[in-house]
N, C-alpha and C. Protein backbone atom coordinates (compact mmCIF):
# COMPACT_ATOMS: atom_id res chain seq x y z
N UNK A 1 26.33 75.01 -14.39
CA UNK A 1 25.30 73.84 -14.15
C UNK A 1 24.63 74.18 -12.76
N UNK A 2 23.29 74.15 -12.83
CA UNK A 2 22.37 74.67 -11.79
C UNK A 2 22.52 73.40 -10.63
N UNK A 3 22.30 73.60 -9.30
CA UNK A 3 22.31 72.48 -8.51
C UNK A 3 20.96 71.52 -8.65
N UNK A 4 20.03 71.99 -9.23
CA UNK A 4 18.98 71.13 -9.58
C UNK A 4 19.34 70.26 -10.71
N UNK A 5 20.31 70.48 -11.39
CA UNK A 5 20.62 69.88 -12.80
C UNK A 5 21.57 68.98 -12.34
N UNK A 6 22.24 69.20 -11.44
CA UNK A 6 23.46 68.32 -10.72
C UNK A 6 22.60 67.15 -9.82
N UNK A 7 21.59 67.49 -9.28
CA UNK A 7 20.65 66.34 -8.57
C UNK A 7 20.15 65.63 -9.62
N UNK A 8 19.36 66.04 -10.86
CA UNK A 8 18.93 65.21 -11.72
C UNK A 8 19.71 64.49 -12.26
N UNK A 9 21.12 64.60 -12.50
CA UNK A 9 22.04 63.65 -12.87
C UNK A 9 22.44 62.71 -11.84
N UNK A 10 22.40 63.03 -10.65
CA UNK A 10 22.58 62.14 -9.83
C UNK A 10 21.40 61.10 -9.75
N UNK A 11 20.24 61.50 -9.52
CA UNK A 11 19.11 60.91 -9.46
C UNK A 11 18.94 59.56 -10.92
N UNK A 12 19.25 60.28 -12.08
CA UNK A 12 19.31 59.40 -13.07
C UNK A 12 20.35 58.38 -12.99
N UNK A 13 21.63 58.59 -12.56
CA UNK A 13 22.47 57.67 -12.09
C UNK A 13 21.73 56.60 -11.09
N UNK A 14 21.41 56.71 -10.29
CA UNK A 14 20.75 56.13 -9.22
C UNK A 14 19.81 55.16 -9.87
N UNK A 15 19.10 55.67 -10.83
CA UNK A 15 18.23 54.96 -11.41
C UNK A 15 18.24 53.85 -12.28
N UNK A 16 19.87 54.50 -12.96
CA UNK A 16 20.42 53.46 -13.78
C UNK A 16 20.83 52.18 -13.30
N UNK A 17 21.18 52.35 -11.68
CA UNK A 17 21.49 51.23 -11.11
C UNK A 17 20.61 50.81 -10.19
N UNK A 18 19.33 50.98 -10.53
CA UNK A 18 17.96 50.05 -10.11
C UNK A 18 17.79 50.76 -8.61
N UNK A 19 18.50 51.69 -8.13
CA UNK A 19 18.18 52.20 -6.85
C UNK A 19 16.57 52.44 -6.85
N UNK A 20 16.14 52.27 -5.45
CA UNK A 20 14.76 52.39 -5.16
C UNK A 20 14.31 54.03 -4.58
N UNK A 21 12.72 54.37 -4.55
CA UNK A 21 12.61 55.43 -3.76
C UNK A 21 13.40 56.55 -3.88
N UNK A 22 13.63 56.90 -5.34
CA UNK A 22 14.71 58.22 -5.29
C UNK A 22 13.97 59.35 -5.19
N UNK A 23 14.37 60.37 -4.42
CA UNK A 23 13.76 61.52 -4.13
C UNK A 23 14.38 62.65 -3.95
N UNK A 24 14.56 63.72 -4.24
CA UNK A 24 15.45 65.06 -4.63
C UNK A 24 14.64 65.82 -3.68
N UNK A 25 15.00 66.28 -2.60
CA UNK A 25 14.62 67.22 -1.79
C UNK A 25 15.28 68.49 -1.75
N UNK A 26 14.40 69.22 -2.06
CA UNK A 26 14.66 70.98 -1.90
C UNK A 26 14.61 71.23 -0.25
N UNK A 27 16.03 71.42 -0.08
CA UNK A 27 16.43 71.92 1.23
C UNK A 27 16.97 73.27 1.41
N UNK A 28 16.92 74.19 0.32
CA UNK A 28 17.84 75.49 0.42
C UNK A 28 17.11 76.58 1.32
N UNK A 29 15.77 76.23 1.69
CA UNK A 29 15.17 77.22 2.90
C UNK A 29 15.25 76.60 3.99
N UNK A 30 15.81 75.73 4.48
CA UNK A 30 16.17 75.00 5.45
C UNK A 30 17.62 75.00 6.25
N UNK A 31 18.33 74.81 5.43
CA UNK A 31 19.64 74.74 5.49
C UNK A 31 20.72 75.16 4.84
N UNK A 32 22.01 75.36 5.28
CA UNK A 32 23.08 75.88 4.43
C UNK A 32 24.02 74.73 3.78
N UNK A 33 23.49 73.52 4.47
CA UNK A 33 24.22 72.30 3.92
C UNK A 33 24.38 72.15 2.61
N UNK A 34 23.05 72.46 1.99
CA UNK A 34 22.97 72.49 0.58
C UNK A 34 21.76 72.80 -0.02
N UNK A 35 21.72 72.89 -1.54
CA UNK A 35 20.46 73.08 -1.92
C UNK A 35 19.18 72.10 -1.90
N UNK A 36 19.99 70.79 -2.49
CA UNK A 36 19.05 69.54 -2.70
C UNK A 36 19.79 68.33 -2.26
N UNK A 37 19.11 67.38 -1.51
CA UNK A 37 19.25 66.22 -1.43
C UNK A 37 18.88 65.38 -2.07
N UNK A 38 19.84 64.42 -2.53
CA UNK A 38 19.34 63.09 -3.33
C UNK A 38 19.11 61.97 -2.30
N UNK A 39 17.79 61.15 -2.22
CA UNK A 39 17.83 60.13 -1.37
C UNK A 39 17.67 59.07 -1.94
N UNK A 40 18.28 57.92 -1.83
CA UNK A 40 17.72 56.48 -2.72
C UNK A 40 18.12 55.32 -1.58
N UNK A 41 17.29 54.43 -2.09
CA UNK A 41 17.47 53.10 -1.38
C UNK A 41 18.05 52.06 -2.07
N UNK A 42 18.41 51.14 -1.29
CA UNK A 42 19.03 50.15 -2.29
C UNK A 42 19.11 48.74 -1.26
N UNK A 43 19.11 47.49 -1.80
CA UNK A 43 18.87 46.32 -1.25
C UNK A 43 19.92 45.79 -0.70
N UNK A 44 21.46 46.36 -0.81
CA UNK A 44 22.36 45.82 -0.28
C UNK A 44 23.57 46.64 -0.22
N UNK A 45 24.73 46.06 0.47
CA UNK A 45 26.03 47.20 0.44
C UNK A 45 26.58 47.14 -0.96
N UNK A 46 26.45 46.32 -1.68
CA UNK A 46 27.20 46.20 -2.52
C UNK A 46 26.25 47.22 -4.07
N UNK A 47 24.71 46.98 -3.81
CA UNK A 47 24.25 47.95 -4.87
C UNK A 47 24.50 49.46 -4.42
N UNK A 48 24.63 49.77 -2.81
CA UNK A 48 24.76 50.88 -2.49
C UNK A 48 26.03 51.66 -2.74
N UNK A 49 27.12 50.80 -2.71
CA UNK A 49 28.56 51.09 -3.47
C UNK A 49 28.28 51.42 -4.95
N UNK A 50 27.82 50.51 -5.61
CA UNK A 50 27.76 50.46 -7.39
C UNK A 50 26.95 51.93 -7.54
N UNK A 51 25.93 52.12 -6.63
CA UNK A 51 24.96 53.34 -7.03
C UNK A 51 25.91 54.74 -6.66
N UNK A 52 26.63 54.90 -5.71
CA UNK A 52 27.36 56.11 -5.48
C UNK A 52 28.48 55.70 -6.76
N UNK A 53 29.26 54.82 -6.94
CA UNK A 53 29.94 54.69 -7.85
C UNK A 53 29.60 55.32 -9.42
N UNK A 54 28.71 55.07 -9.46
CA UNK A 54 27.59 55.88 -10.94
C UNK A 54 27.53 57.24 -10.82
N UNK A 55 27.08 57.46 -9.58
CA UNK A 55 26.81 59.06 -9.38
C UNK A 55 28.19 59.53 -9.70
N UNK A 56 29.17 59.20 -9.12
CA UNK A 56 30.25 59.81 -8.95
C UNK A 56 30.98 59.93 -10.29
N UNK A 57 30.83 58.94 -11.36
CA UNK A 57 31.36 58.88 -12.68
C UNK A 57 30.54 59.51 -13.58
N UNK A 58 29.18 59.81 -13.23
CA UNK A 58 28.36 60.81 -14.14
C UNK A 58 28.58 61.86 -14.01
N UNK A 59 28.67 62.83 -12.74
CA UNK A 59 28.99 64.00 -12.29
C UNK A 59 30.49 64.21 -12.71
N UNK A 60 31.53 63.22 -12.94
CA UNK A 60 32.77 63.58 -13.24
C UNK A 60 32.84 64.13 -14.69
N UNK A 61 31.57 63.43 -15.56
CA UNK A 61 31.79 63.91 -17.00
C UNK A 61 31.74 65.57 -17.05
N UNK A 62 31.18 65.76 -16.18
CA UNK A 62 30.92 67.45 -16.01
C UNK A 62 31.90 68.17 -15.30
N UNK A 63 32.81 67.43 -14.83
CA UNK A 63 33.89 67.89 -13.95
C UNK A 63 33.43 68.47 -12.70
N UNK A 64 32.54 67.50 -12.31
CA UNK A 64 31.98 67.95 -10.71
C UNK A 64 32.29 66.41 -10.13
N UNK A 65 33.16 66.99 -8.82
CA UNK A 65 33.86 65.93 -8.13
C UNK A 65 33.48 65.91 -6.56
N UNK A 66 33.29 64.86 -5.95
CA UNK A 66 33.02 64.67 -4.78
C UNK A 66 33.80 65.35 -3.81
N UNK A 67 33.29 66.41 -3.05
CA UNK A 67 33.76 66.99 -1.98
C UNK A 67 34.18 66.36 -0.93
N UNK A 68 33.47 65.31 -0.69
CA UNK A 68 33.53 64.62 0.92
C UNK A 68 32.60 63.50 0.63
N UNK A 69 33.13 62.04 0.94
CA UNK A 69 32.49 61.05 0.90
C UNK A 69 32.39 60.22 2.32
N UNK A 70 31.26 59.71 2.94
CA UNK A 70 31.25 59.02 4.26
C UNK A 70 30.72 57.62 3.96
N UNK A 71 31.06 56.61 4.74
CA UNK A 71 30.31 55.44 4.90
C UNK A 71 30.46 54.55 3.50
N UNK A 72 31.32 54.86 3.06
CA UNK A 72 31.24 53.67 1.58
C UNK A 72 31.97 52.22 1.89
N UNK A 73 32.87 52.20 3.02
CA UNK A 73 33.72 50.93 3.47
C UNK A 73 32.45 50.10 3.92
N UNK A 74 31.45 50.64 4.70
CA UNK A 74 30.56 49.60 5.08
C UNK A 74 29.24 49.47 4.32
N UNK A 75 29.10 50.34 3.53
CA UNK A 75 27.87 50.31 2.49
C UNK A 75 26.58 50.25 3.15
N UNK A 76 26.22 50.79 4.26
CA UNK A 76 25.09 50.56 4.75
C UNK A 76 24.36 52.34 4.40
N UNK A 77 25.11 53.25 4.62
CA UNK A 77 24.43 54.50 4.27
C UNK A 77 25.82 55.20 3.68
N UNK A 78 25.70 55.83 2.35
CA UNK A 78 26.87 56.41 2.02
C UNK A 78 26.34 57.70 1.47
N UNK A 79 27.00 58.31 2.13
CA UNK A 79 26.75 60.28 1.63
C UNK A 79 27.90 60.66 0.89
N UNK A 80 27.43 61.30 -0.41
CA UNK A 80 28.44 61.64 -1.11
C UNK A 80 28.37 63.46 -1.02
N UNK A 81 29.22 64.09 -0.63
CA UNK A 81 28.93 65.78 -0.66
C UNK A 81 29.68 66.43 -1.85
N UNK A 82 28.26 67.31 -2.55
CA UNK A 82 29.04 67.89 -3.96
C UNK A 82 28.69 69.58 -3.45
N UNK A 83 28.41 69.96 -2.39
CA UNK A 83 28.60 71.14 -1.66
C UNK A 83 26.97 71.53 -2.05
N UNK A 84 26.76 72.14 -3.00
CA UNK A 84 25.19 72.35 -3.10
C UNK A 84 24.43 71.03 -3.40
N UNK A 85 24.67 69.99 -3.39
CA UNK A 85 24.06 69.00 -3.50
C UNK A 85 24.40 67.69 -2.74
N UNK A 86 23.84 67.01 -2.04
CA UNK A 86 24.58 65.72 -0.84
C UNK A 86 23.47 64.63 -1.39
N UNK A 87 24.17 63.60 -1.52
CA UNK A 87 23.68 62.40 -2.13
C UNK A 87 23.56 61.20 -1.19
N UNK A 88 22.65 60.83 -0.45
CA UNK A 88 22.37 59.75 0.27
C UNK A 88 21.88 58.34 0.04
N UNK A 89 22.73 57.42 -0.25
CA UNK A 89 22.25 56.26 -0.65
C UNK A 89 22.31 55.21 0.54
N UNK A 90 21.45 54.52 0.60
CA UNK A 90 21.46 53.96 2.02
C UNK A 90 20.57 52.37 1.65
N UNK A 91 21.00 51.38 2.47
CA UNK A 91 20.14 50.20 2.12
C UNK A 91 18.69 50.73 3.02
N UNK A 92 17.62 49.77 2.38
CA UNK A 92 16.44 50.18 2.96
C UNK A 92 16.05 50.09 4.47
N UNK A 93 16.73 49.28 4.76
CA UNK A 93 16.31 49.22 6.44
C UNK A 93 16.93 50.31 7.02
N UNK A 94 18.29 50.71 6.80
CA UNK A 94 19.03 52.04 7.33
C UNK A 94 17.91 53.16 6.95
N UNK A 95 17.69 53.45 5.78
CA UNK A 95 16.57 54.39 5.54
C UNK A 95 15.41 54.51 6.46
N UNK A 96 14.78 53.52 6.51
CA UNK A 96 13.60 53.23 7.17
C UNK A 96 14.09 53.65 8.62
N UNK A 97 15.03 52.97 9.40
CA UNK A 97 15.18 53.49 10.80
C UNK A 97 15.73 55.10 10.92
N UNK A 98 16.38 55.60 9.87
CA UNK A 98 16.69 57.03 10.16
C UNK A 98 15.95 57.86 9.85
N UNK A 99 15.03 57.62 8.81
CA UNK A 99 13.91 58.67 8.30
C UNK A 99 13.98 59.88 8.05
N UNK A 100 15.36 59.87 7.43
CA UNK A 100 15.94 61.24 6.81
C UNK A 100 14.75 62.17 6.47
N UNK A 101 13.90 61.63 5.60
CA UNK A 101 13.07 62.61 4.98
C UNK A 101 12.15 63.10 6.04
N UNK A 102 12.14 62.35 7.28
CA UNK A 102 11.39 63.01 8.13
C UNK A 102 11.97 64.11 8.94
N UNK A 103 13.19 64.19 8.80
CA UNK A 103 14.13 65.23 9.51
C UNK A 103 13.74 66.46 8.80
N UNK A 104 13.55 66.44 7.47
CA UNK A 104 13.40 67.44 6.19
C UNK A 104 11.97 67.30 5.73
N UNK A 105 11.18 67.49 6.91
CA UNK A 105 9.75 67.17 6.34
C UNK A 105 9.12 68.58 5.78
N UNK A 106 9.64 69.48 6.03
CA UNK A 106 9.22 70.51 5.52
C UNK A 106 9.87 71.19 4.06
N UNK A 107 10.84 70.16 3.69
CA UNK A 107 11.44 70.40 2.28
C UNK A 107 10.26 70.22 1.06
N UNK A 108 10.44 70.87 0.24
CA UNK A 108 9.76 70.64 -1.12
C UNK A 108 10.38 69.39 -1.71
N UNK A 109 9.80 68.33 -2.11
CA UNK A 109 10.15 67.17 -3.13
C UNK A 109 10.29 67.78 -4.39
N UNK A 110 11.48 68.37 -4.78
CA UNK A 110 11.77 68.82 -5.99
C UNK A 110 11.28 67.54 -7.28
N UNK A 111 11.64 66.50 -7.09
CA UNK A 111 11.09 65.45 -8.24
C UNK A 111 11.41 64.07 -7.56
N UNK A 112 10.39 63.29 -7.73
CA UNK A 112 10.47 61.68 -7.22
C UNK A 112 10.58 60.82 -8.65
N UNK A 113 11.61 60.58 -9.17
CA UNK A 113 11.93 60.02 -10.51
C UNK A 113 11.23 58.69 -10.63
N UNK A 114 10.82 58.19 -9.53
CA UNK A 114 9.98 57.10 -9.91
C UNK A 114 8.70 57.00 -10.04
N UNK A 115 8.16 58.22 -9.80
CA UNK A 115 6.85 58.77 -10.29
C UNK A 115 6.75 58.96 -11.70
N UNK A 116 7.75 59.09 -12.32
CA UNK A 116 7.56 59.43 -13.91
C UNK A 116 7.21 58.21 -14.65
């Protein structure tokens, strides 16, 4: 499975849990941290955790397990590292404050599933 296919599965899982403003950023030319960042916003810590749980469940169906996960207990911003794909799910306030997309402003947006 390609890294873009993994990112798309994660994005679909986030959409299924009603996450907002879902984006897949191609960061492969900017960093060795991964090929794609999947970024999504949620309204509450409960929704953030539900979204990350759904991403894990959907990727596990393909034998893909999370290598590292941070922030789950607080639920403000959860990062799930799948090696070539890093999923960032955060409450809207945290996303606006940290502006993660601005940090990677040269990254190409591979897909914004909310525009479909």
